[in-house]
């Protein structure tokens, strides 16, 4: 039984279904745990059902990190222009309303 709260990034083995998956998201508002199986398929459990599953935390399966190693050409930002420079605050360029020695009442 999975008596512990699911942790994002933790791998589990379902002893009954003989499935291996990683917790990728937890939505407390909806009460769901989103998972990703070793083959890349996505699934979800209701949080109430999670605690009834016969789960065992396991180490990350070998080769599962290699899917995240993208080549430069495969990265989403590769073909885009570089980001613009940080926004310049125009208020920093405004001169003061008074000059020393010219204070008029």
PDB file of N, CA and C in Angstrom:
ATOM      1  N   UNK A   1       0.835  -1.179   0.000  1.00  0.00           N
ATOM      2  CA  UNK A   1       0.000   0.000   0.000  1.00  0.00           C
ATOM      3  C   UNK A   1       0.885   1.249   0.000  1.00  0.00           C
ATOM      4  N   UNK A   2       0.451   2.245  -0.760  1.00  0.00           N
ATOM      5  CA  UNK A   2       1.180   3.508  -0.811  1.00  0.00           C
ATOM      6  C   UNK A   2       0.686   4.388   0.318  1.00  0.00           C
ATOM      7  N   UNK A   3       1.280   4.243   1.470  1.00  0.00           N
ATOM      8  CA  UNK A   3       0.836   4.992   2.635  1.00  0.00           C
ATOM      9  C   UNK A   3       1.488   6.360   2.723  1.00  0.00           C
ATOM     10  N   UNK A   4       2.401   6.642   1.816  1.00  0.00           N
ATOM     11  CA  UNK A   4       3.071   7.928   1.846  1.00  0.00           C
ATOM     12  C   UNK A   4       2.542   8.832   0.737  1.00  0.00           C
ATOM     13  N   UNK A   5       2.687  10.127   0.948  1.00  0.00           N
ATOM     14  CA  UNK A   5       2.265  11.113  -0.039  1.00  0.00           C
ATOM     15  C   UNK A   5       3.154  10.969  -1.272  1.00  0.00           C
ATOM     16  N   UNK A   6       2.605  11.063  -2.492  1.00  0.00           N
ATOM     17  CA  UNK A   6       3.432  10.945  -3.698  1.00  0.00           C
ATOM     18  C   UNK A   6       4.398  12.117  -3.815  1.00  0.00           C
ATOM     19  N   UNK A   7       5.600  11.845  -4.288  1.00  0.00           N
ATOM     20  CA  UNK A   7       6.626  12.875  -4.448  1.00  0.00           C
ATOM     21  C   UNK A   7       6.967  13.021  -5.922  1.00  0.00           C
ATOM     22  N   UNK A   8       6.930  14.243  -6.418  1.00  0.00           N
ATOM     23  CA  UNK A   8       7.267  14.508  -7.816  1.00  0.00           C
ATOM     24  C   UNK A   8       8.720  14.111  -8.058  1.00  0.00           C
ATOM     25  N   UNK A   9       8.946  13.397  -9.157  1.00  0.00           N
ATOM     26  CA  UNK A   9      10.289  12.951  -9.515  1.00  0.00           C
ATOM     27  C   UNK A   9      10.654  11.595  -8.944  1.00  0.00           C
ATOM     28  N   UNK A  10       9.776  11.022  -8.126  1.00  0.00           N
ATOM     29  CA  UNK A  10      10.037   9.715  -7.531  1.00  0.00           C
ATOM     30  C   UNK A  10       9.437   8.623  -8.410  1.00  0.00           C
ATOM     31  N   UNK A  11      10.185   7.540  -8.581  1.00  0.00           N
ATOM     32  CA  UNK A  11       9.723   6.388  -9.344  1.00  0.00           C
ATOM     33  C   UNK A  11       9.090   5.372  -8.408  1.00  0.00           C
ATOM     34  N   UNK A  12       8.016   4.737  -8.893  1.00  0.00           N
ATOM     35  CA  UNK A  12       7.291   3.732  -8.123  1.00  0.00           C
ATOM     36  C   UNK A  12       7.048   2.502  -8.987  1.00  0.00           C
ATOM     37  N   UNK A  13       6.883   1.381  -8.322  1.00  0.00           N
ATOM     38  CA  UNK A  13       6.528   0.119  -8.983  1.00  0.00           C
ATOM     39  C   UNK A  13       5.198  -0.336  -8.400  1.00  0.00           C
ATOM     40  N   UNK A  14       4.198  -0.496  -9.278  1.00  0.00           N
ATOM     41  CA  UNK A  14       2.901  -1.009  -8.867  1.00  0.00           C
ATOM     42  C   UNK A  14       3.022  -2.528  -8.817  1.00  0.00           C
ATOM     43  N   UNK A  15       2.972  -3.096  -7.625  1.00  0.00           N
ATOM     44  CA  UNK A  15       3.179  -4.530  -7.427  1.00  0.00           C
ATOM     45  C   UNK A  15       2.056  -5.370  -8.036  1.00  0.00           C
ATOM     46  N   UNK A  16       0.863  -4.833  -8.099  1.00  0.00           N
ATOM     47  CA  UNK A  16      -0.267  -5.588  -8.634  1.00  0.00           C
ATOM     48  C   UNK A  16      -0.251  -5.592 -10.162  1.00  0.00           C
ATOM     49  N   UNK A  17      -0.052  -4.438 -10.792  1.00  0.00           N
ATOM     50  CA  UNK A  17      -0.085  -4.320 -12.247  1.00  0.00           C
ATOM     51  C   UNK A  17       1.286  -4.522 -12.890  1.00  0.00           C
ATOM     52  N   UNK A  18       2.331  -4.604 -12.064  1.00  0.00           N
ATOM     53  CA  UNK A  18       3.706  -4.752 -12.562  1.00  0.00           C
ATOM     54  C   UNK A  18       4.070  -3.616 -13.529  1.00  0.00           C
ATOM     55  N   UNK A  19       3.702  -2.382 -13.148  1.00  0.00           N
ATOM     56  CA  UNK A  19       3.991  -1.187 -13.937  1.00  0.00           C
ATOM     57  C   UNK A  19       4.987  -0.309 -13.187  1.00  0.00           C
ATOM     58  N   UNK A  20       5.889   0.310 -13.928  1.00  0.00           N
ATOM     59  CA  UNK A  20       6.863   1.242 -13.365  1.00  0.00           C
ATOM     60  C   UNK A  20       6.542   2.630 -13.902  1.00  0.00           C
ATOM     61  N   UNK A  21       6.501   3.623 -13.018  1.00  0.00           N
ATOM     62  CA  UNK A  21       6.173   4.980 -13.447  1.00  0.00           C
ATOM     63  C   UNK A  21       6.809   5.998 -12.515  1.00  0.00           C
ATOM     64  N   UNK A  22       6.821   7.245 -12.996  1.00  0.00           N
ATOM     65  CA  UNK A  22       7.347   8.379 -12.231  1.00  0.00           C
ATOM     66  C   UNK A  22       6.211   9.356 -11.973  1.00  0.00           C
ATOM     67  N   UNK A  23       6.169   9.937 -10.793  1.00  0.00           N
ATOM     68  CA  UNK A  23       5.194  10.983 -10.490  1.00  0.00           C
ATOM     69  C   UNK A  23       5.715  12.279 -11.111  1.00  0.00           C
ATOM     70  N   UNK A  24       4.902  12.878 -11.991  1.00  0.00           N
ATOM     71  CA  UNK A  24       5.338  14.094 -12.674  1.00  0.00           C
ATOM     72  C   UNK A  24       4.593  15.339 -12.216  1.00  0.00           C
ATOM     73  N   UNK A  25       3.426  15.166 -11.590  1.00  0.00           N
ATOM     74  CA  UNK A  25       2.674  16.328 -11.099  1.00  0.00           C
ATOM     75  C   UNK A  25       1.657  15.873 -10.056  1.00  0.00           C
ATOM     76  N   UNK A  26       1.348  16.783  -9.154  1.00  0.00           N
ATOM     77  CA  UNK A  26       0.332  16.533  -8.133  1.00  0.00           C
ATOM     78  C   UNK A  26      -0.584  17.747  -8.111  1.00  0.00           C
ATOM     79  N   UNK A  27      -1.870  17.518  -8.273  1.00  0.00           N
ATOM     80  CA  UNK A  27      -2.850  18.604  -8.235  1.00  0.00           C
ATOM     81  C   UNK A  27      -3.706  18.423  -6.985  1.00  0.00           C
ATOM     82  N   UNK A  28      -3.373  19.176  -5.946  1.00  0.00           N
ATOM     83  CA  UNK A  28      -4.104  19.063  -4.682  1.00  0.00           C
ATOM     84  C   UNK A  28      -5.551  19.536  -4.811  1.00  0.00           C
ATOM     85  N   UNK A  29      -5.789  20.546  -5.666  1.00  0.00           N
ATOM     86  CA  UNK A  29      -7.153  21.056  -5.837  1.00  0.00           C
ATOM     87  C   UNK A  29      -8.068  20.001  -6.447  1.00  0.00           C
ATOM     88  N   UNK A  30      -7.582  19.325  -7.489  1.00  0.00           N
ATOM     89  CA  UNK A  30      -8.384  18.285  -8.139  1.00  0.00           C
ATOM     90  C   UNK A  30      -8.240  16.937  -7.457  1.00  0.00           C
ATOM     91  N   UNK A  31      -7.223  16.810  -6.611  1.00  0.00           N
ATOM     92  CA  UNK A  31      -6.992  15.553  -5.917  1.00  0.00           C
ATOM     93  C   UNK A  31      -6.499  14.468  -6.844  1.00  0.00           C
ATOM     94  N   UNK A  32      -5.527  14.820  -7.709  1.00  0.00           N
ATOM     95  CA  UNK A  32      -5.006  13.830  -8.649  1.00  0.00           C
ATOM     96  C   UNK A  32      -3.488  13.803  -8.651  1.00  0.00           C
ATOM     97  N   UNK A  33      -2.957  12.642  -9.030  1.00  0.00           N
ATOM     98  CA  UNK A  33      -1.514  12.440  -9.170  1.00  0.00           C
ATOM     99  C   UNK A  33      -1.270  12.055 -10.620  1.00  0.00           C
ATOM    100  N   UNK A  34      -0.479  12.874 -11.331  1.00  0.00           N
ATOM    101  CA  UNK A  34      -0.179  12.577 -12.733  1.00  0.00           C
ATOM    102  C   UNK A  34       1.138  11.824 -12.793  1.00  0.00           C
ATOM    103  N   UNK A  35       1.160  10.785 -13.640  1.00  0.00           N
ATOM    104  CA  UNK A  35       2.332   9.923 -13.729  1.00  0.00           C
ATOM    105  C   UNK A  35       2.748   9.752 -15.178  1.00  0.00           C
ATOM    106  N   UNK A  36       3.988   9.306 -15.358  1.00  0.00           N
ATOM    107  CA  UNK A  36       4.485   8.955 -16.687  1.00  0.00           C
ATOM    108  C   UNK A  36       5.175   7.608 -16.588  1.00  0.00           C
ATOM    109  N   UNK A  37       4.709   6.672 -17.435  1.00  0.00           N
ATOM    110  CA  UNK A  37       5.282   5.338 -17.454  1.00  0.00           C
ATOM    111  C   UNK A  37       6.625   5.345 -18.167  1.00  0.00           C
ATOM    112  N   UNK A  38       7.374   4.275 -18.033  1.00  0.00           N
ATOM    113  CA  UNK A  38       8.702   4.158 -18.639  1.00  0.00           C
ATOM    114  C   UNK A  38       8.631   4.346 -20.152  1.00  0.00           C
ATOM    115  N   UNK A  39       7.554   3.862 -20.786  1.00  0.00           N
ATOM    116  CA  UNK A  39       7.432   3.969 -22.241  1.00  0.00           C
ATOM    117  C   UNK A  39       6.985   5.351 -22.708  1.00  0.00           C
ATOM    118  N   UNK A  40       6.758   6.284 -21.769  1.00  0.00           N
ATOM    119  CA  UNK A  40       6.379   7.646 -22.114  1.00  0.00           C
ATOM    120  C   UNK A  40       4.900   7.932 -22.005  1.00  0.00           C
ATOM    121  N   UNK A  41       4.084   6.904 -21.839  1.00  0.00           N
ATOM    122  CA  UNK A  41       2.640   7.112 -21.704  1.00  0.00           C
ATOM    123  C   UNK A  41       2.329   7.884 -20.428  1.00  0.00           C
ATOM    124  N   UNK A  42       1.294   8.694 -20.504  1.00  0.00           N
ATOM    125  CA  UNK A  42       0.877   9.525 -19.373  1.00  0.00           C
ATOM    126  C   UNK A  42      -0.365   8.913 -18.741  1.00  0.00           C
ATOM    127  N   UNK A  43      -0.469   9.010 -17.432  1.00  0.00           N
ATOM    128  CA  UNK A  43      -1.636   8.507 -16.714  1.00  0.00           C
ATOM    129  C   UNK A  43      -1.903   9.355 -15.492  1.00  0.00           C
ATOM    130  N   UNK A  44      -2.941   9.010 -14.771  1.00  0.00           N
ATOM    131  CA  UNK A  44      -3.283   9.756 -13.563  1.00  0.00           C
ATOM    132  C   UNK A  44      -4.036   8.852 -12.598  1.00  0.00           C
ATOM    133  N   UNK A  45      -3.904   9.163 -11.321  1.00  0.00           N
ATOM    134  CA  UNK A  45      -4.642   8.492 -10.263  1.00  0.00           C
ATOM    135  C   UNK A  45      -5.338   9.552  -9.439  1.00  0.00           C
ATOM    136  N   UNK A  46      -6.495   9.223  -8.918  1.00  0.00           N
ATOM    137  CA  UNK A  46      -7.103  10.089  -7.915  1.00  0.00           C
ATOM    138  C   UNK A  46      -6.288   9.912  -6.641  1.00  0.00           C
ATOM    139  N   UNK A  47      -6.124  10.980  -5.903  1.00  0.00           N
ATOM    140  CA  UNK A  47      -5.303  10.937  -4.702  1.00  0.00           C
ATOM    141  C   UNK A  47      -5.846   9.923  -3.696  1.00  0.00           C
ATOM    142  N   UNK A  48      -7.167   9.790  -3.620  1.00  0.00           N
ATOM    143  CA  UNK A  48      -7.755   8.799  -2.713  1.00  0.00           C
ATOM    144  C   UNK A  48      -7.348   7.381  -3.113  1.00  0.00           C
ATOM    145  N   UNK A  49      -7.324   7.116  -4.427  1.00  0.00           N
ATOM    146  CA  UNK A  49      -6.955   5.786  -4.932  1.00  0.00           C
ATOM    147  C   UNK A  49      -5.462   5.526  -4.745  1.00  0.00           C
ATOM    148  N   UNK A  50      -4.662   6.583  -4.771  1.00  0.00           N
ATOM    149  CA  UNK A  50      -3.210   6.451  -4.637  1.00  0.00           C
ATOM    150  C   UNK A  50      -2.838   5.686  -3.365  1.00  0.00           C
ATOM    151  N   UNK A  51      -3.494   6.025  -2.282  1.00  0.00           N
ATOM    152  CA  UNK A  51      -3.160   5.430  -0.988  1.00  0.00           C
ATOM    153  C   UNK A  51      -3.561   3.955  -0.885  1.00  0.00           C
ATOM    154  N   UNK A  52      -4.425   3.490  -1.792  1.00  0.00           N
ATOM    155  CA  UNK A  52      -4.828   2.087  -1.790  1.00  0.00           C
ATOM    156  C   UNK A  52      -3.982   1.224  -2.731  1.00  0.00           C
ATOM    157  N   UNK A  53      -3.112   1.842  -3.531  1.00  0.00           N
ATOM    158  CA  UNK A  53      -2.298   1.092  -4.496  1.00  0.00           C
ATOM    159  C   UNK A  53      -1.136   0.380  -3.804  1.00  0.00           C
ATOM    160  N   UNK A  54      -0.780  -0.807  -4.275  1.00  0.00           N
ATOM    161  CA  UNK A  54       0.379  -1.518  -3.717  1.00  0.00           C
ATOM    162  C   UNK A  54       1.667  -1.034  -4.379  1.00  0.00           C
ATOM    163  N   UNK A  55       2.136   0.151  -3.979  1.00  0.00           N
ATOM    164  CA  UNK A  55       3.299   0.786  -4.604  1.00  0.00           C
ATOM    165  C   UNK A  55       4.543   0.660  -3.741  1.00  0.00           C
ATOM    166  N   UNK A  56       5.668   0.548  -4.435  1.00  0.00           N
ATOM    167  CA  UNK A  56       6.964   0.515  -3.773  1.00  0.00           C
ATOM    168  C   UNK A  56       7.856   1.544  -4.465  1.00  0.00           C
ATOM    169  N   UNK A  57       8.440   2.489  -3.714  1.00  0.00           N
ATOM    170  CA  UNK A  57       9.391   3.427  -4.340  1.00  0.00           C
ATOM    171  C   UNK A  57      10.607   2.660  -4.847  1.00  0.00           C
ATOM    172  N   UNK A  58      11.084   3.017  -6.036  1.00  0.00           N
ATOM    173  CA  UNK A  58      12.243   2.356  -6.633  1.00  0.00           C
ATOM    174  C   UNK A  58      13.214   3.408  -7.146  1.00  0.00           C
ATOM    175  N   UNK A  59      14.473   3.012  -7.389  1.00  0.00           N
ATOM    176  CA  UNK A  59      15.404   3.952  -8.015  1.00  0.00           C
ATOM    177  C   UNK A  59      15.002   4.193  -9.468  1.00  0.00           C
ATOM    178  N   UNK A  60      15.455   5.284 -10.007  1.00  0.00           N
ATOM    179  CA  UNK A  60      15.180   5.628 -11.401  1.00  0.00           C
ATOM    180  C   UNK A  60      15.685   4.519 -12.323  1.00  0.00           C
ATOM    181  N   UNK A  61      14.829   3.988 -13.210  1.00  0.00           N
ATOM    182  CA  UNK A  61      15.279   2.945 -14.133  1.00  0.00           C
ATOM    183  C   UNK A  61      16.400   3.461 -15.034  1.00  0.00           C
ATOM    184  N   UNK A  62      17.319   2.588 -15.374  1.00  0.00           N
ATOM    185  CA  UNK A  62      18.462   2.973 -16.200  1.00  0.00           C
ATOM    186  C   UNK A  62      17.985   3.401 -17.581  1.00  0.00           C
ATOM    187  N   UNK A  63      18.532   4.493 -18.066  1.00  0.00           N
ATOM    188  CA  UNK A  63      18.197   4.987 -19.391  1.00  0.00           C
ATOM    189  C   UNK A  63      17.020   5.935 -19.423  1.00  0.00           C
ATOM    190  N   UNK A  64      16.359   6.161 -18.309  1.00  0.00           N
ATOM    191  CA  UNK A  64      15.208   7.061 -18.332  1.00  0.00           C
ATOM    192  C   UNK A  64      15.621   8.521 -18.407  1.00  0.00           C
ATOM    193  N   UNK A  65      16.820   8.862 -17.980  1.00  0.00           N
ATOM    194  CA  UNK A  65      17.275  10.240 -18.059  1.00  0.00           C
ATOM    195  C   UNK A  65      17.718  10.615 -19.469  1.00  0.00           C
ATOM    196  N   UNK A  66      18.062   9.639 -20.289  1.00  0.00           N
ATOM    197  CA  UNK A  66      18.559   9.943 -21.625  1.00  0.00           C
ATOM    198  C   UNK A  66      17.487  10.570 -22.500  1.00  0.00           C
ATOM    199  N   UNK A  67      16.209  10.335 -22.201  1.00  0.00           N
ATOM    200  CA  UNK A  67      15.143  10.947 -22.985  1.00  0.00           C
ATOM    201  C   UNK A  67      15.136  12.455 -22.820  1.00  0.00           C
ATOM    202  N   UNK A  68      15.678  12.947 -21.723  1.00  0.00           N
ATOM    203  CA  UNK A  68      15.702  14.386 -21.479  1.00  0.00           C
ATOM    204  C   UNK A  68      16.905  15.069 -22.111  1.00  0.00           C
ATOM    205  N   UNK A  69      17.886  14.314 -22.547  1.00  0.00           N
ATOM    206  CA  UNK A  69      19.081  14.879 -23.161  1.00  0.00           C
ATOM    207  C   UNK A  69      18.798  15.175 -24.626  1.00  0.00           C
ATOM    208  N   UNK A  70      18.371  16.411 -24.919  1.00  0.00           N
ATOM    209  CA  UNK A  70      18.029  16.798 -26.276  1.00  0.00           C
ATOM    210  C   UNK A  70      19.229  17.407 -26.973  1.00  0.00           C
ATOM    211  N   UNK A  71      19.324  17.157 -28.273  1.00  0.00           N
ATOM    212  CA  UNK A  71      20.379  17.803 -29.038  1.00  0.00           C
ATOM    213  C   UNK A  71      20.017  19.273 -29.201  1.00  0.00           C
ATOM    214  N   UNK A  72      20.978  20.076 -29.599  1.00  0.00           N
ATOM    215  CA  UNK A  72      20.743  21.510 -29.754  1.00  0.00           C
ATOM    216  C   UNK A  72      19.620  21.770 -30.763  1.00  0.00           C
ATOM    217  N   UNK A  73      19.553  20.994 -31.826  1.00  0.00           N
ATOM    218  CA  UNK A  73      18.537  21.196 -32.855  1.00  0.00           C
ATOM    219  C   UNK A  73      17.131  20.859 -32.358  1.00  0.00           C
ATOM    220  N   UNK A  74      17.022  19.980 -31.363  1.00  0.00           N
ATOM    221  CA  UNK A  74      15.720  19.554 -30.868  1.00  0.00           C
ATOM    222  C   UNK A  74      15.157  20.451 -29.776  1.00  0.00           C
ATOM    223  N   UNK A  75      15.944  21.346 -29.267  1.00  0.00           N
ATOM    224  CA  UNK A  75      15.449  22.227 -28.212  1.00  0.00           C
ATOM    225  C   UNK A  75      14.476  23.231 -28.799  1.00  0.00           C
ATOM    226  N   UNK A  76      13.428  23.552 -28.069  1.00  0.00           N
ATOM    227  CA  UNK A  76      12.360  24.408 -28.605  1.00  0.00           C
ATOM    228  C   UNK A  76      12.840  25.815 -28.921  1.00  0.00           C
ATOM    229  N   UNK A  77      13.862  26.305 -28.260  1.00  0.00           N
ATOM    230  CA  UNK A  77      14.303  27.684 -28.470  1.00  0.00           C
ATOM    231  C   UNK A  77      15.414  27.789 -29.518  1.00  0.00           C
ATOM    232  N   UNK A  78      15.819  26.675 -30.105  1.00  0.00           N
ATOM    233  CA  UNK A  78      16.952  26.690 -31.027  1.00  0.00           C
ATOM    234  C   UNK A  78      16.716  27.601 -32.233  1.00  0.00           C
ATOM    235  N   UNK A  79      15.518  27.566 -32.820  1.00  0.00           N
ATOM    236  CA  UNK A  79      15.275  28.318 -34.043  1.00  0.00           C
ATOM    237  C   UNK A  79      14.698  29.708 -33.796  1.00  0.00           C
ATOM    238  N   UNK A  80      14.608  30.127 -32.570  1.00  0.00           N
ATOM    239  CA  UNK A  80      14.034  31.432 -32.256  1.00  0.00           C
ATOM    240  C   UNK A  80      15.132  32.472 -32.079  1.00  0.00           C
ATOM    241  N   UNK A  81      14.726  33.722 -32.181  1.00  0.00           N
ATOM    242  CA  UNK A  81      15.659  34.820 -31.937  1.00  0.00           C
ATOM    243  C   UNK A  81      16.013  34.858 -30.462  1.00  0.00           C
ATOM    244  N   UNK A  82      17.182  35.405 -30.133  1.00  0.00           N
ATOM    245  CA  UNK A  82      17.527  35.507 -28.699  1.00  0.00           C
ATOM    246  C   UNK A  82      16.530  36.433 -27.997  1.00  0.00           C
ATOM    247  N   UNK A  83      16.354  36.253 -26.705  1.00  0.00           N
ATOM    248  CA  UNK A  83      15.405  37.102 -25.976  1.00  0.00           C
ATOM    249  C   UNK A  83      15.866  38.550 -25.965  1.00  0.00           C
ATOM    250  N   UNK A  84      14.930  39.498 -25.882  1.00  0.00           N
ATOM    251  CA  UNK A  84      15.321  40.911 -25.839  1.00  0.00           C
ATOM    252  C   UNK A  84      16.046  41.225 -24.538  1.00  0.00           C
ATOM    253  N   UNK A  85      16.837  42.294 -24.540  1.00  0.00           N
ATOM    254  CA  UNK A  85      17.521  42.667 -23.296  1.00  0.00           C
ATOM    255  C   UNK A  85      16.491  43.070 -22.246  1.00  0.00           C
ATOM    256  N   UNK A  86      16.888  43.079 -20.977  1.00  0.00           N
ATOM    257  CA  UNK A  86      15.942  43.449 -19.913  1.00  0.00           C
ATOM    258  C   UNK A  86      15.350  44.833 -20.165  1.00  0.00           C
ATOM    259  N   UNK A  87      14.105  44.998 -19.775  1.00  0.00           N
ATOM    260  CA  UNK A  87      13.411  46.253 -19.973  1.00  0.00           C
ATOM    261  C   UNK A  87      14.075  47.346 -19.164  1.00  0.00           C
ATOM    262  N   UNK A  88      14.250  48.495 -19.803  1.00  0.00           N
ATOM    263  CA  UNK A  88      14.875  49.645 -19.152  1.00  0.00           C
ATOM    264  C   UNK A  88      13.776  50.520 -18.572  1.00  0.00           C
ATOM    265  N   UNK A  89      13.909  50.866 -17.305  1.00  0.00           N
ATOM    266  CA  UNK A  89      12.908  51.687 -16.637  1.00  0.00           C
ATOM    267  C   UNK A  89      13.104  53.146 -17.036  1.00  0.00           C
ATOM    268  N   UNK A  90      12.152  53.750 -17.791  1.00  0.00           N
ATOM    269  CA  UNK A  90      12.326  55.139 -18.232  1.00  0.00           C
ATOM    270  C   UNK A  90      12.326  56.141 -17.082  1.00  0.00           C
ATOM    271  N   UNK A  91      11.777  55.780 -15.926  1.00  0.00           N
ATOM    272  CA  UNK A  91      11.765  56.711 -14.795  1.00  0.00           C
ATOM    273  C   UNK A  91      13.173  56.984 -14.269  1.00  0.00           C
ATOM    274  N   UNK A  92      14.078  56.075 -14.529  1.00  0.00           N
ATOM    275  CA  UNK A  92      15.446  56.294 -14.060  1.00  0.00           C
ATOM    276  C   UNK A  92      16.147  57.389 -14.858  1.00  0.00           C
ATOM    277  N   UNK A  93      15.622  57.739 -16.035  1.00  0.00           N
ATOM    278  CA  UNK A  93      16.264  58.749 -16.879  1.00  0.00           C
ATOM    279  C   UNK A  93      15.669  60.140 -16.691  1.00  0.00           C
ATOM    280  N   UNK A  94      14.644  60.284 -15.863  1.00  0.00           N
ATOM    281  CA  UNK A  94      14.023  61.594 -15.647  1.00  0.00           C
ATOM    282  C   UNK A  94      14.877  62.400 -14.681  1.00  0.00           C
ATOM    283  N   UNK A  95      15.111  63.670 -15.044  1.00  0.00           N
ATOM    284  CA  UNK A  95      15.904  64.540 -14.179  1.00  0.00           C
ATOM    285  C   UNK A  95      15.050  65.056 -13.037  1.00  0.00           C
ATOM    286  N   UNK A  96      15.708  65.435 -11.969  1.00  0.00           N
ATOM    287  CA  UNK A  96      15.012  65.961 -10.795  1.00  0.00           C
ATOM    288  C   UNK A  96      14.359  67.297 -11.114  1.00  0.00           C
ATOM    289  N   UNK A  97      13.288  67.667 -10.361  1.00  0.00           N
ATOM    290  CA  UNK A  97      12.566  68.917 -10.592  1.00  0.00           C
ATOM    291  C   UNK A  97      13.293  70.143 -10.044  1.00  0.00           C
ATOM    292  N   UNK A  98      14.244  69.951  -9.204  1.00  0.00           N
ATOM    293  CA  UNK A  98      14.947  71.097  -8.643  1.00  0.00           C
ATOM    294  C   UNK A  98      16.447  70.915  -8.843  1.00  0.00           C
ATOM    295  N   UNK A  99      17.129  72.022  -8.839  1.00  0.00           N
ATOM    296  CA  UNK A  99      18.576  72.010  -8.934  1.00  0.00           C
ATOM    297  C   UNK A  99      19.114  72.679  -7.687  1.00  0.00           C
ATOM    298  N   UNK A 100      20.226  72.198  -7.154  1.00  0.00           N
ATOM    299  CA  UNK A 100      20.765  72.821  -5.944  1.00  0.00           C
ATOM    300  C   UNK A 100      21.009  74.320  -6.138  1.00  0.00           C
ATOM    301  N   UNK A 101      20.568  75.094  -5.158  1.00  0.00           N
ATOM    302  CA  UNK A 101      20.791  76.529  -5.191  1.00  0.00           C
ATOM    303  C   UNK A 101      19.722  77.300  -5.938  1.00  0.00           C
ATOM    304  N   UNK A 102      18.734  76.654  -6.477  1.00  0.00           N
ATOM    305  CA  UNK A 102      17.684  77.361  -7.205  1.00  0.00           C
ATOM    306  C   UNK A 102      16.308  77.073  -6.644  1.00  0.00           C
ATOM    307  N   UNK A 103      16.230  76.767  -5.373  1.00  0.00           N
ATOM    308  CA  UNK A 103      14.956  76.432  -4.739  1.00  0.00           C
ATOM    309  C   UNK A 103      14.138  77.697  -4.590  1.00  0.00           C
ATOM    310  N   UNK A 104      12.970  77.758  -5.204  1.00  0.00           N
ATOM    311  CA  UNK A 104      12.122  78.945  -5.161  1.00  0.00           C
ATOM    312  C   UNK A 104      10.893  78.609  -4.326  1.00  0.00           C
ATOM    313  N   UNK A 105      10.547  79.511  -3.414  1.00  0.00           N
ATOM    314  CA  UNK A 105       9.350  79.308  -2.582  1.00  0.00           C
ATOM    315  C   UNK A 105       8.151  79.970  -3.166  1.00  0.00           C
TER     316      UNK A 105
END
